[in-house]
Structures are given as structure tokens and as C-alpha cells.
C-alpha atoms as a PDB file:
ATOM      1  CA  UNK A   1       0.000   0.000   0.000  1.00  0.00           C
ATOM      2  CA  UNK A   2       2.894   2.376   0.681  1.00  0.00           C
ATOM      3  CA  UNK A   3       4.174   1.882  -2.868  1.00  0.00           C
ATOM      4  CA  UNK A   4       0.887   3.197  -4.269  1.00  0.00           C
ATOM      5  CA  UNK A   5       0.982   6.145  -1.861  1.00  0.00           C
ATOM      6  CA  UNK A   6       4.372   7.208  -3.277  1.00  0.00           C
ATOM      7  CA  UNK A   7       3.079   7.120  -6.847  1.00  0.00           C
ATOM      8  CA  UNK A   8       3.469  10.565  -8.513  1.00  0.00           C
ATOM      9  CA  UNK A   9      -0.006  10.120 -10.044  1.00  0.00           C
ATOM     10  CA  UNK A  10      -1.532   9.968  -6.552  1.00  0.00           C
ATOM     11  CA  UNK A  11      -2.632  13.633  -6.474  1.00  0.00           C
ATOM     12  CA  UNK A  12      -4.380  13.279  -9.819  1.00  0.00           C
ATOM     13  CA  UNK A  13      -5.983   9.955  -8.945  1.00  0.00           C
ATOM     14  CA  UNK A  14      -7.174  11.101  -5.521  1.00  0.00           C
ATOM     15  CA  UNK A  15      -9.013  14.024  -7.162  1.00  0.00           C
ATOM     16  CA  UNK A  16     -10.394  11.635  -9.785  1.00  0.00           C
ATOM     17  CA  UNK A  17     -11.785   9.307  -7.117  1.00  0.00           C
ATOM     18  CA  UNK A  18     -13.252  12.225  -5.137  1.00  0.00           C
ATOM     19  CA  UNK A  19     -15.192  13.670  -8.068  1.00  0.00           C
ATOM     20  CA  UNK A  20     -16.431  10.445  -9.660  1.00  0.00           C
ATOM     21  CA  UNK A  21     -17.928   7.388  -8.014  1.00  0.00           C
ATOM     22  CA  UNK A  22     -18.261   5.028 -10.995  1.00  0.00           C
ATOM     23  CA  UNK A  23     -15.802   4.418 -13.811  1.00  0.00           C
ATOM     24  CA  UNK A  24     -15.204   2.344 -16.908  1.00  0.00           C
ATOM     25  CA  UNK A  25     -12.097   0.189 -17.182  1.00  0.00           C
ATOM     26  CA  UNK A  26     -10.898   2.461 -19.998  1.00  0.00           C
ATOM     27  CA  UNK A  27     -11.221   5.598 -17.824  1.00  0.00           C
ATOM     28  CA  UNK A  28      -9.307   3.921 -15.013  1.00  0.00           C
ATOM     29  CA  UNK A  29      -6.484   2.775 -17.295  1.00  0.00           C
ATOM     30  CA  UNK A  30      -6.190   6.289 -18.768  1.00  0.00           C
ATOM     31  CA  UNK A  31      -6.084   7.855 -15.296  1.00  0.00           C
ATOM     32  CA  UNK A  32      -3.983   5.278 -13.453  1.00  0.00           C
ATOM     33  CA  UNK A  33      -1.686   4.433 -16.341  1.00  0.00           C
ATOM     34  CA  UNK A  34      -2.082   0.653 -16.642  1.00  0.00           C
ATOM     35  CA  UNK A  35      -4.274  -2.379 -16.021  1.00  0.00           C
ATOM     36  CA  UNK A  36      -1.875  -3.389 -13.253  1.00  0.00           C
ATOM     37  CA  UNK A  37      -2.555  -0.117 -11.446  1.00  0.00           C
ATOM     38  CA  UNK A  38      -6.295  -0.761 -11.756  1.00  0.00           C
ATOM     39  CA  UNK A  39      -5.816  -4.249 -10.282  1.00  0.00           C
ATOM     40  CA  UNK A  40      -3.760  -2.782  -7.428  1.00  0.00           C
ATOM     41  CA  UNK A  41      -6.540  -0.322  -6.622  1.00  0.00           C
ATOM     42  CA  UNK A  42      -8.999  -3.231  -6.541  1.00  0.00           C
ATOM     43  CA  UNK A  43      -6.663  -5.294  -4.323  1.00  0.00           C
ATOM     44  CA  UNK A  44      -6.295  -2.384  -1.899  1.00  0.00           C
ATOM     45  CA  UNK A  45     -10.097  -1.907  -1.805  1.00  0.00           C
ATOM     46  CA  UNK A  46     -10.040   1.599  -3.238  1.00  0.00           C
ATOM     47  CA  UNK A  47     -12.422   0.521  -5.984  1.00  0.00           C
ATOM     48  CA  UNK A  48     -14.393  -2.623  -6.709  1.00  0.00           C
ATOM     49  CA  UNK A  49     -15.591  -4.214  -9.958  1.00  0.00           C
ATOM     50  CA  UNK A  50     -19.300  -4.080 -10.759  1.00  0.00           C
ATOM     51  CA  UNK A  51     -18.993  -6.273 -13.842  1.00  0.00           C
ATOM     52  CA  UNK A  52     -18.997  -5.658 -17.590  1.00  0.00           C
ATOM     53  CA  UNK A  53     -16.014  -3.314 -17.374  1.00  0.00           C
ATOM     54  CA  UNK A  54     -17.461  -0.940 -14.770  1.00  0.00           C
ATOM     55  CA  UNK A  55     -15.950  -0.130 -11.382  1.00  0.00           C
ATOM     56  CA  UNK A  56     -17.127   1.826  -8.346  1.00  0.00           C
ATOM     57  CA  UNK A  57     -15.491   3.741  -5.536  1.00  0.00           C
ATOM     58  CA  UNK A  58     -15.537   1.996  -2.176  1.00  0.00           C
ATOM     59  CA  UNK A  59     -17.527   5.008  -0.921  1.00  0.00           C
ATOM     60  CA  UNK A  60     -20.727   3.853  -2.619  1.00  0.00           C
ATOM     61  CA  UNK A  61     -22.857   0.702  -2.132  1.00  0.00           C
ATOM     62  CA  UNK A  62     -23.289  -1.774  -4.982  1.00  0.00           C
ATOM     63  CA  UNK A  63     -26.867  -0.975  -6.069  1.00  0.00           C
ATOM     64  CA  UNK A  64     -26.319   2.764  -5.930  1.00  0.00           C
ATOM     65  CA  UNK A  65     -23.220   2.268  -8.078  1.00  0.00           C
ATOM     66  CA  UNK A  66     -25.240   0.310 -10.648  1.00  0.00           C
ATOM     67  CA  UNK A  67     -27.828   3.073 -10.811  1.00  0.00           C
ATOM     68  CA  UNK A  68     -25.064   5.663 -11.242  1.00  0.00           C
ATOM     69  CA  UNK A  69     -23.640   3.595 -14.114  1.00  0.00           C
ATOM     70  CA  UNK A  70     -27.026   3.769 -15.838  1.00  0.00           C
ATOM     71  CA  UNK A  71     -27.376   7.507 -15.335  1.00  0.00           C
ATOM     72  CA  UNK A  72     -23.775   8.308 -16.330  1.00  0.00           C
ATOM     73  CA  UNK A  73     -23.134   5.945 -19.242  1.00  0.00           C
ATOM     74  CA  UNK A  74     -26.629   5.325 -20.616  1.00  0.00           C
ATOM     75  CA  UNK A  75     -28.282   8.780 -20.721  1.00  0.00           C
ATOM     76  CA  UNK A  76     -30.985   7.531 -23.089  1.00  0.00           C
ATOM     77  CA  UNK A  77     -32.221   5.059 -20.445  1.00  0.00           C
ATOM     78  CA  UNK A  78     -34.774   5.750 -17.709  1.00  0.00           C
ATOM     79  CA  UNK A  79     -34.282   4.030 -14.352  1.00  0.00           C
ATOM     80  CA  UNK A  80     -37.328   1.886 -13.638  1.00  0.00           C
ATOM     81  CA  UNK A  81     -38.664  -1.146 -11.799  1.00  0.00           C
ATOM     82  CA  UNK A  82     -37.116  -2.127  -8.471  1.00  0.00           C
ATOM     83  CA  UNK A  83     -34.240   0.325  -9.046  1.00  0.00           C
ATOM     84  CA  UNK A  84     -36.683   3.234  -9.163  1.00  0.00           C
ATOM     85  CA  UNK A  85     -38.495   1.920  -6.085  1.00  0.00           C
ATOM     86  CA  UNK A  86     -35.136   1.768  -4.281  1.00  0.00           C
ATOM     87  CA  UNK A  87     -34.344   5.376  -5.205  1.00  0.00           C
ATOM     88  CA  UNK A  88     -37.655   6.417  -3.629  1.00  0.00           C
ATOM     89  CA  UNK A  89     -36.958   4.402  -0.492  1.00  0.00           C
ATOM     90  CA  UNK A  90     -39.747   1.879  -1.088  1.00  0.00           C
ATOM     91  CA  UNK A  91     -37.608  -1.300  -1.210  1.00  0.00           C
ATOM     92  CA  UNK A  92     -34.336  -2.454   0.318  1.00  0.00           C
ATOM     93  CA  UNK A  93     -31.231  -2.940  -1.800  1.00  0.00           C
ATOM     94  CA  UNK A  94     -30.436  -6.403  -0.478  1.00  0.00           C
ATOM     95  CA  UNK A  95     -32.874  -8.170  -2.827  1.00  0.00           C
ATOM     96  CA  UNK A  96     -31.870  -6.357  -6.027  1.00  0.00           C
ATOM     97  CA  UNK A  97     -29.027  -7.893  -8.053  1.00  0.00           C
ATOM     98  CA  UNK A  98     -29.059  -5.622 -11.104  1.00  0.00           C
ATOM     99  CA  UNK A  99     -30.217  -2.177 -12.129  1.00  0.00           C
ATOM    100  CA  UNK A 100     -33.334  -1.883 -14.270  1.00  0.00           C
ATOM    101  CA  UNK A 101     -33.897   0.732 -16.953  1.00  0.00           C
ATOM    102  CA  UNK A 102     -36.298   1.377 -19.820  1.00  0.00           C
ATOM    103  CA  UNK A 103     -35.083   2.282 -23.300  1.00  0.00           C
ATOM    104  CA  UNK A 104     -36.774   2.896 -26.633  1.00  0.00           C
ATOM    105  CA  UNK A 105     -37.478  -0.171 -28.769  1.00  0.00           C
ATOM    106  CA  UNK A 106     -35.248   1.327 -31.455  1.00  0.00           C
ATOM    107  CA  UNK A 107     -32.245   1.608 -29.095  1.00  0.00           C
ATOM    108  CA  UNK A 108     -29.865  -1.328 -29.048  1.00  0.00           C
ATOM    109  CA  UNK A 109     -28.201  -1.673 -25.639  1.00  0.00           C
ATOM    110  CA  UNK A 110     -27.045  -4.833 -23.908  1.00  0.00           C
ATOM    111  CA  UNK A 111     -25.233  -5.163 -20.618  1.00  0.00           C
ATOM    112  CA  UNK A 112     -24.901  -7.833 -17.932  1.00  0.00           C
ATOM    113  CA  UNK A 113     -25.280  -5.511 -14.950  1.00  0.00           C
ATOM    114  CA  UNK A 114     -28.307  -3.584 -16.242  1.00  0.00           C
ATOM    115  CA  UNK A 115     -31.579  -5.164 -17.296  1.00  0.00           C
ATOM    116  CA  UNK A 116     -32.929  -3.049 -20.146  1.00  0.00           C
ATOM    117  CA  UNK A 117     -36.608  -3.244 -21.010  1.00  0.00           C
ATOM    118  CA  UNK A 118     -37.667  -2.031 -24.433  1.00  0.00           C
ATOM    119  CA  UNK A 119     -40.705   0.257 -24.413  1.00  0.00           C
ATOM    120  CA  UNK A 120     -42.605   2.060 -27.137  1.00  0.00           C
ATOM    121  CA  UNK A 121     -42.038   5.816 -27.204  1.00  0.00           C
ATOM    122  CA  UNK A 122     -44.907   8.083 -26.466  1.00  0.00           C
END
């Protein structure tokens, strides 16, 4: 852990992790410099993998991280179902394994951590 603390990129990465809570693997590699650095951050519990190339800061719980992934990386999607109920405080997170979102029938999105439902516009 001390080796990472002496890294000259530490100032930049600490600001990165303070401003964002969810990340793609590509963003992390660009910021940290390598896949090894990403793996070290996971090993030291600074971030954790959500699946499908997405990661979250240790500061945020799993379901909230999934919902943030939807809102940040899939702006054309609308959070729905149990995920929406969770956001309104109507269900607990412990029984929800994936985020749910609605998208237009004409939109082609597929992801293992988000269940997309196709709906007709209008």
C-alpha cells in the first residue's frame, strides 16, 4: 500500500476518485496508467468491480453504483422497476441484483449488470 501512496499520479488519482464514483475500465487505465494499477486499486479496496467493465469507488454501495452507471453511461435510459423503487426508499437494496432501466425499442443496448426493457415511445 505504501508503494501506491508514493506514486506521482496519486494527487491526480485522488481528485479523480473524489469527483467520480463510478468508472469504466478504460477511464481507469487512462487515469492510473495501466491495467496493473487498476488491479492494485482493486486489491487495496479503493475501488471494486461491478462487472462488464465498470468499477465503483468503495464510498458507494453496490446498487447505488449500478444506478449511477445507468445515469452516467446510458443517458438515453430511464431508471425503472425495483431500481426506481429503491431510489424512492420503497424497497431495500439487499434483494436487487441488477439495475433496471427502460429504453426505446429502437435503441440497441445490452449489458450484464443492467436489465434493459424495451418500451414504445410516447
